[in-house]
Amino acid sequence: DIRIIFGYGSIMWRPALDYTSSFPARVKGYVRRFWQSSVDHRGTVDYPGRVATLLRCKDLPHTCSRDRAEGEREGVWGMAYVLKDDGFDDTMRMLDIREKNGYTRTVATLYDADDNAIGEAFLYYGSIDISENPMYTGPEDVKAIAKRVNRAVGPSGANADYVCRLWRCLQTLGVRDDHVQSIYDAIKTA
């Protein structure tokens, strides 16, 4: 039985999970992008923010060939959380609610820094089909994302704080994510 959750966004600094241990890991075949609106955490209906979402490389349009190549080659780094057996079902139900608005739960292989497969985990990825995921924005200019991030605030706080916390988590892991870095750099000048 799989008892691991892969976190790539706010779960990295605010897991709110019953877990026994955690470790850095990455998944391949996905990219992390700020192409997901947030009206319930880092923005509002009147002014949606942007949050990181995982997108499957195979779903990306042909115009995103560089993104697809990056995801297949590098993958996405995050944190893997080994969940406690007690309350596992409750934790999964909570995550299904937390990761609403266009996310799908699936199972993915985890890899370490040496490219060894080290297990499997549940993860949530975003659909690029607007009928399934009305919060999907599609590819956007980094400056436009940064401008929105700097203004958006939601129930979970300022959108810029979300970007900064994600950037710090990746720095702590010793990982560079070019997309996150570009958004982080742009919010300082937007």
Protein backbone atom coordinates (compact mmCIF):
# COMPACT_ATOMS: atom_id res chain seq x y z
CA ASP A 1 0.00 0.00 0.00
CA ILE A 2 1.22 3.47 -0.90
CA ARG A 3 1.45 5.74 2.16
CA ILE A 4 3.46 8.62 0.71
CA ILE A 5 2.31 12.04 -0.53
CA PHE A 6 4.47 14.14 -2.85
CA GLY A 7 4.24 17.88 -2.15
CA TYR A 8 5.51 20.50 -4.59
CA GLY A 9 3.82 23.72 -3.39
CA SER A 10 2.52 24.92 -0.03
CA ILE A 11 2.54 21.39 1.36
CA MET A 12 6.34 21.74 1.43
CA TRP A 13 6.21 24.37 4.20
CA ARG A 14 2.76 23.73 5.62
CA PRO A 15 2.07 20.02 5.32
CA ALA A 16 -0.77 19.85 7.88
CA LEU A 17 -0.49 16.07 7.53
CA ASP A 18 -0.09 13.27 10.05
CA TYR A 19 3.23 11.87 8.87
CA THR A 20 6.07 9.87 10.36
CA SER A 21 8.92 11.16 8.19
CA SER A 22 9.69 13.26 5.14
CA PHE A 23 12.43 13.37 2.53
CA PRO A 24 13.30 15.28 -0.66
CA ALA A 25 12.35 13.54 -3.88
CA ARG A 26 11.47 14.31 -7.46
CA VAL A 27 9.01 13.09 -10.03
CA LYS A 28 9.62 12.91 -13.77
CA GLY A 29 7.23 13.66 -16.59
CA TYR A 30 5.86 16.78 -14.89
CA VAL A 31 6.64 20.49 -14.72
CA ARG A 32 5.77 22.95 -11.95
CA ARG A 33 4.18 26.12 -13.33
CA PHE A 34 2.31 29.14 -11.97
CA TRP A 35 -0.45 28.56 -14.50
CA GLN A 36 -3.20 27.90 -11.95
CA SER A 37 -5.54 30.60 -10.59
CA SER A 38 -6.31 30.63 -6.88
CA VAL A 39 -9.58 32.11 -5.65
CA ASP A 40 -9.72 30.14 -2.40
CA HIS A 41 -6.20 30.43 -0.94
CA ARG A 42 -3.95 33.10 -2.51
CA GLY A 43 -6.52 35.26 -4.26
CA THR A 44 -10.23 35.97 -4.50
CA VAL A 45 -12.98 35.59 -7.08
CA ASP A 46 -12.56 39.31 -7.83
CA TYR A 47 -8.78 39.06 -8.13
CA PRO A 48 -7.43 35.51 -8.49
CA GLY A 49 -3.86 34.81 -7.45
CA ARG A 50 -1.52 32.22 -8.94
CA VAL A 51 -0.30 29.01 -7.34
CA ALA A 52 2.09 26.33 -8.51
CA THR A 53 0.57 23.34 -10.19
CA LEU A 54 2.08 20.17 -11.59
CA LEU A 55 1.32 19.60 -15.24
CA ARG A 56 1.92 16.35 -17.07
CA CYS A 57 4.43 16.86 -19.85
CA LYS A 58 2.40 14.69 -22.21
CA ASP A 59 -0.57 17.07 -21.82
CA LEU A 60 1.33 20.26 -22.67
CA PRO A 61 0.68 21.82 -26.06
CA HIS A 62 3.35 21.55 -28.75
CA THR A 63 4.20 25.22 -28.22
CA CYS A 64 5.60 24.17 -24.82
CA SER A 65 8.27 21.81 -26.19
CA ARG A 66 10.98 23.29 -23.92
CA ASP A 67 8.73 22.75 -20.89
CA ARG A 68 8.05 19.15 -21.93
CA ALA A 69 11.76 18.42 -22.40
CA GLU A 70 12.57 19.93 -18.97
CA GLY A 71 9.95 17.81 -17.24
CA GLU A 72 11.06 14.59 -18.89
CA ARG A 73 14.74 15.26 -18.20
CA GLU A 74 14.79 17.06 -14.84
CA GLY A 75 11.39 16.47 -13.32
CA VAL A 76 10.10 18.37 -10.30
CA TRP A 77 11.66 18.38 -6.85
CA GLY A 78 9.52 18.46 -3.74
CA MET A 79 9.02 16.76 -0.40
CA ALA A 80 7.68 13.26 0.14
CA TYR A 81 5.73 12.63 3.34
CA VAL A 82 5.28 9.13 4.75
CA LEU A 83 1.80 9.22 6.24
CA LYS A 84 0.79 7.52 9.47
CA ASP A 85 -1.39 4.45 9.07
CA ASP A 86 -3.78 5.79 11.70
CA GLY A 87 -5.95 8.38 10.02
CA PHE A 88 -4.62 7.72 6.52
CA ASP A 89 -8.09 7.75 4.96
CA ASP A 90 -8.98 10.99 6.76
CA THR A 91 -5.74 12.59 5.55
CA MET A 92 -6.46 11.59 1.95
CA ARG A 93 -10.01 12.97 2.18
CA MET A 94 -8.62 16.24 3.55
CA LEU A 95 -6.10 16.44 0.70
CA ASP A 96 -8.81 15.73 -1.87
CA ILE A 97 -10.67 18.77 -0.51
CA ARG A 98 -7.54 20.93 -0.20
CA GLU A 99 -6.46 20.13 -3.75
CA LYS A 100 -9.82 20.84 -5.35
CA ASN A 101 -10.36 23.12 -8.33
CA GLY A 102 -8.98 21.09 -11.20
CA TYR A 103 -6.54 18.66 -9.60
CA THR A 104 -6.40 14.92 -10.17
CA ARG A 105 -4.82 12.44 -7.76
CA THR A 106 -2.48 9.87 -9.29
CA VAL A 107 0.50 7.69 -8.37
CA ALA A 108 4.01 8.55 -9.53
CA THR A 109 7.48 7.07 -9.10
CA LEU A 110 9.83 9.02 -6.82
CA TYR A 111 13.50 9.52 -7.70
CA ASP A 112 16.51 10.61 -5.67
CA ALA A 113 19.36 12.89 -6.75
CA ASP A 114 21.22 9.96 -8.32
CA ASP A 115 18.20 9.13 -10.50
CA ASN A 116 17.35 5.97 -8.55
CA ALA A 117 13.68 5.05 -8.22
CA ILE A 118 12.99 5.13 -4.47
CA GLY A 119 9.28 4.36 -4.22
CA GLU A 120 5.86 5.58 -5.25
CA ALA A 121 3.70 8.41 -3.97
CA PHE A 122 0.34 9.99 -4.49
CA LEU A 123 0.45 13.42 -6.08
CA TYR A 124 -2.05 15.92 -7.40
CA TYR A 125 -1.59 17.39 -10.87
CA GLY A 126 -3.57 20.00 -12.76
CA SER A 127 -5.49 19.40 -15.94
CA ILE A 128 -4.98 21.73 -18.90
CA ASP A 129 -8.57 21.03 -20.02
CA ILE A 130 -10.62 24.09 -19.03
CA SER A 131 -13.78 21.96 -18.74
CA GLU A 132 -12.04 19.90 -16.02
CA ASN A 133 -9.94 22.71 -14.57
CA PRO A 134 -11.47 26.17 -14.95
CA MET A 135 -8.60 27.57 -12.84
CA TYR A 136 -5.98 26.67 -15.49
CA THR A 137 -4.61 29.87 -17.05
CA GLY A 138 -2.33 28.34 -19.65
CA PRO A 139 1.13 29.69 -20.38
CA GLU A 140 1.49 33.32 -19.30
CA ASP A 141 4.26 35.87 -19.50
CA VAL A 142 6.40 35.84 -16.34
CA LYS A 143 5.98 39.60 -15.87
CA ALA A 144 2.18 39.30 -16.07
CA ILE A 145 2.22 36.50 -13.49
CA ALA A 146 4.49 38.54 -11.20
CA LYS A 147 2.27 41.62 -11.44
CA ARG A 148 -0.76 39.56 -10.45
CA VAL A 149 1.13 37.74 -7.67
CA ASN A 150 2.23 41.06 -6.17
CA ARG A 151 -1.37 42.32 -5.91
CA ALA A 152 -3.27 39.15 -5.00
CA VAL A 153 -4.21 38.31 -1.42
CA GLY A 154 -6.52 35.52 -0.27
CA PRO A 155 -7.62 33.69 2.88
CA SER A 156 -4.22 31.96 3.13
CA GLY A 157 -2.30 35.23 2.78
CA ALA A 158 -0.41 37.27 0.23
CA ASN A 159 0.32 35.57 -3.06
CA ALA A 160 3.87 36.97 -3.08
CA ASP A 161 4.50 35.25 0.27
CA TYR A 162 3.52 31.92 -1.34
CA VAL A 163 6.10 32.40 -4.11
CA CYS A 164 8.82 33.44 -1.64
CA ARG A 165 8.16 30.47 0.64
CA LEU A 166 8.26 28.03 -2.27
CA TRP A 167 11.51 29.59 -3.50
CA ARG A 168 13.02 29.32 0.01
CA CYS A 169 12.01 25.65 0.31
CA LEU A 170 13.69 24.87 -3.00
CA GLN A 171 16.80 26.78 -1.91
CA THR A 172 16.89 24.72 1.30
CA LEU A 173 16.81 21.55 -0.83
CA GLY A 174 19.60 22.91 -3.03
CA VAL A 175 17.30 22.79 -6.05
CA ARG A 176 16.91 25.35 -8.80
CA ASP A 177 13.56 25.49 -10.56
CA ASP A 178 13.92 27.96 -13.43
CA HIS A 179 10.21 28.81 -13.58
CA VAL A 180 9.93 29.45 -9.83
CA GLN A 181 13.18 31.44 -9.96
CA SER A 182 11.89 33.61 -12.81
CA ILE A 183 8.64 34.38 -10.94
CA TYR A 184 10.58 35.07 -7.72
CA ASP A 185 12.95 37.45 -9.53
CA ALA A 186 10.09 39.18 -11.36
CA ILE A 187 7.98 39.88 -8.26
CA LYS A 188 10.86 41.95 -6.91
CA THR A 189 10.72 44.27 -9.94
CA ALA A 190 7.01 44.16 -10.87
